[in-house]
Amino acid sequence: MAWFCAEYIADELLRTGALVDGGSLEYRAGRETLALTIYLCEGSGEPAGVRAVARIEEWLDLTSYGHPWPEWVRKRLAVHDERARALGGPGPDLLLARESWRWLSRTELLTADLGDDEARPPAGARSAAVDEQTLVWTPAWRLGLPLGHLAIHLF
């Protein structure tokens, strides 16, 4: 049930923000990224929506530019796996979260080349314009992360 609560909150944030078409792969990337972030933030056993408003700042931080989100996801999934082993196996929520991470990391979307993350100038520094004509294949989470972050800001 916790996964479905997280997915519902993510869907509402993206739908309310109206940033991309609800049937697009970009929308799914944003929803899955946000749902995974919301689900993995929960650690006390309470459903994802119980303290959603209090968690918005945490979600903003986790989805912000420069945060090592994929590493954070891997670490949090490992923590959830440990708990699942102690309880006799993974529950349906963890299985859905794992499937979401597989989709986000293995699915690539064709997007504008925003440049190499390491080569980007620090925040506030002046940078060259992005060439939106140059397209590259990128993991779905790389597109979903800024989309989710913006949706949270617009909430």
Protein backbone atom coordinates (compact mmCIF):
# COMPACT_ATOMS: atom_id res chain seq x y z
CA MET A 1 0.00 0.00 0.00
CA ALA A 2 2.92 2.36 0.71
CA TRP A 3 4.10 2.15 -2.92
CA PHE A 4 0.64 3.01 -4.25
CA CYS A 5 0.42 6.00 -1.87
CA ALA A 6 3.82 7.23 -3.08
CA GLU A 7 2.80 6.74 -6.70
CA TYR A 8 -0.47 8.61 -6.12
CA ILE A 9 1.32 11.59 -4.54
CA ALA A 10 3.85 11.65 -7.40
CA ASP A 11 1.06 11.50 -9.97
CA GLU A 12 -0.81 14.36 -8.28
CA LEU A 13 2.31 16.52 -8.15
CA LEU A 14 3.04 16.00 -11.84
CA ARG A 15 -0.57 16.33 -12.96
CA THR A 16 -1.00 19.56 -10.99
CA GLY A 17 2.22 20.98 -12.44
CA ALA A 18 1.03 20.21 -16.00
CA LEU A 19 4.62 20.14 -17.23
CA VAL A 20 4.27 17.31 -19.75
CA ASP A 21 1.52 15.26 -21.35
CA GLY A 22 0.16 12.67 -18.92
CA GLY A 23 0.54 9.82 -21.39
CA SER A 24 4.15 10.49 -22.32
CA LEU A 25 7.29 8.59 -21.38
CA GLU A 26 8.60 11.82 -19.88
CA TYR A 27 5.60 11.91 -17.54
CA ARG A 28 6.19 8.29 -16.55
CA ALA A 29 9.87 9.03 -15.89
CA GLY A 30 8.90 11.93 -13.61
CA ARG A 31 6.21 9.92 -11.82
CA GLU A 32 8.43 6.89 -11.26
CA THR A 33 11.33 9.07 -10.05
CA LEU A 34 9.12 10.96 -7.62
CA ALA A 35 7.31 7.83 -6.42
CA LEU A 36 10.62 6.09 -5.75
CA THR A 37 11.93 9.14 -3.88
CA ILE A 38 8.78 9.40 -1.77
CA TYR A 39 8.65 5.68 -1.03
CA LEU A 40 12.32 5.45 -0.05
CA CYS A 41 12.05 8.50 2.23
CA GLU A 42 9.60 6.64 4.41
CA GLY A 43 11.35 4.70 7.12
CA SER A 44 9.03 4.65 10.09
CA GLY A 45 6.44 2.28 8.65
CA GLU A 46 3.86 5.01 8.10
CA PRO A 47 2.22 5.33 4.68
CA ALA A 48 3.84 7.72 2.22
CA GLY A 49 1.15 10.40 2.53
CA VAL A 50 0.89 10.68 6.30
CA ARG A 51 3.45 13.47 6.60
CA ALA A 52 3.69 14.47 2.93
CA VAL A 53 3.67 18.20 3.56
CA ALA A 54 6.50 17.90 6.08
CA ARG A 55 8.50 15.87 3.57
CA ILE A 56 8.34 18.35 0.66
CA GLU A 57 11.61 20.05 1.65
CA GLU A 58 13.30 16.66 1.88
CA TRP A 59 11.99 15.68 -1.56
CA LEU A 60 13.23 18.98 -3.00
CA ASP A 61 16.68 18.34 -1.57
CA LEU A 62 16.82 14.76 -2.85
CA THR A 63 15.75 15.73 -6.37
CA SER A 64 17.92 18.85 -6.59
CA TYR A 65 20.69 19.26 -9.13
CA GLY A 66 23.93 17.79 -7.87
CA HIS A 67 22.40 15.39 -5.35
CA PRO A 68 23.73 11.85 -5.92
CA TRP A 69 20.21 10.49 -6.38
CA PRO A 70 21.04 7.11 -8.00
CA GLU A 71 23.52 6.29 -5.24
CA TRP A 72 20.96 7.33 -2.63
CA VAL A 73 18.37 5.04 -4.27
CA ARG A 74 20.75 2.08 -4.26
CA LYS A 75 21.60 2.62 -0.57
CA ARG A 76 17.96 3.00 0.47
CA LEU A 77 16.92 -0.09 -1.51
CA ALA A 78 19.69 -2.03 0.26
CA VAL A 79 18.28 -0.89 3.63
CA HIS A 80 14.80 -2.00 2.57
CA ASP A 81 16.23 -5.33 1.37
CA GLU A 82 17.83 -5.90 4.80
CA ARG A 83 14.53 -5.24 6.53
CA ALA A 84 12.76 -7.57 4.10
CA ARG A 85 15.24 -10.39 4.82
CA ALA A 86 14.64 -9.95 8.55
CA LEU A 87 10.89 -10.24 7.92
CA GLY A 88 11.13 -13.28 5.67
CA GLY A 89 11.17 -11.71 2.21
CA PRO A 90 10.24 -8.62 0.25
CA GLY A 91 6.69 -7.40 0.33
CA PRO A 92 4.79 -6.16 -2.71
CA ASP A 93 5.77 -2.51 -2.05
CA LEU A 94 9.48 -3.27 -2.24
CA LEU A 95 8.99 -5.41 -5.33
CA LEU A 96 7.17 -2.52 -7.06
CA ALA A 97 9.88 -0.06 -5.99
CA ARG A 98 12.59 -2.37 -7.34
CA GLU A 99 10.73 -2.74 -10.65
CA SER A 100 10.43 1.05 -10.86
CA TRP A 101 14.20 1.45 -10.32
CA ARG A 102 14.89 -1.18 -13.00
CA TRP A 103 12.69 0.71 -15.47
CA LEU A 104 14.24 4.08 -14.61
CA SER A 105 17.81 2.86 -14.91
CA ARG A 106 17.41 0.63 -17.99
CA THR A 107 15.02 2.71 -20.09
CA GLU A 108 16.66 5.41 -22.16
CA LEU A 109 14.86 8.43 -23.56
CA LEU A 110 16.01 10.70 -26.39
CA THR A 111 16.46 14.19 -24.94
CA ALA A 112 18.30 17.43 -25.59
CA ASP A 113 21.97 17.22 -24.71
CA LEU A 114 22.32 19.20 -21.51
CA GLY A 115 26.05 18.56 -21.39
CA ASP A 116 28.26 16.48 -19.17
CA ASP A 117 27.32 16.86 -15.49
CA GLU A 118 30.96 17.06 -14.40
CA ALA A 119 31.75 19.70 -17.05
CA ARG A 120 28.98 22.04 -15.96
CA PRO A 121 29.93 25.26 -14.23
CA PRO A 122 29.03 25.69 -10.56
CA ALA A 123 25.60 27.09 -9.63
CA GLY A 124 25.36 30.81 -10.31
CA ALA A 125 28.20 30.79 -12.83
CA ARG A 126 27.50 31.89 -16.36
CA SER A 127 27.29 29.01 -18.81
CA ALA A 128 26.96 28.51 -22.55
CA ALA A 129 23.48 28.02 -24.00
CA VAL A 130 22.22 24.45 -24.37
CA ASP A 131 22.00 23.20 -27.94
CA GLU A 132 18.48 21.79 -28.03
CA GLN A 133 19.03 20.40 -31.54
CA THR A 134 21.61 17.88 -30.32
CA LEU A 135 19.82 14.84 -28.92
CA VAL A 136 21.27 12.07 -26.77
CA TRP A 137 19.97 8.88 -25.18
CA THR A 138 19.81 9.17 -21.40
CA PRO A 139 18.46 6.97 -18.58
CA ALA A 140 14.84 7.81 -17.74
CA TRP A 141 15.72 8.91 -14.19
CA ARG A 142 17.96 11.71 -15.58
CA LEU A 143 14.92 13.26 -17.23
CA GLY A 144 12.49 12.35 -14.45
CA LEU A 145 14.57 13.92 -11.68
CA PRO A 146 14.47 17.58 -12.82
CA LEU A 147 10.87 17.14 -13.96
CA GLY A 148 9.89 15.84 -10.53
CA HIS A 149 11.87 18.58 -8.80
CA LEU A 150 10.08 21.28 -10.79
CA ALA A 151 6.69 19.65 -10.11
CA ILE A 152 7.39 19.77 -6.36
CA HIS A 153 8.31 23.47 -6.64
CA LEU A 154 5.06 24.22 -8.47
CA PHE A 155 2.99 22.44 -5.81
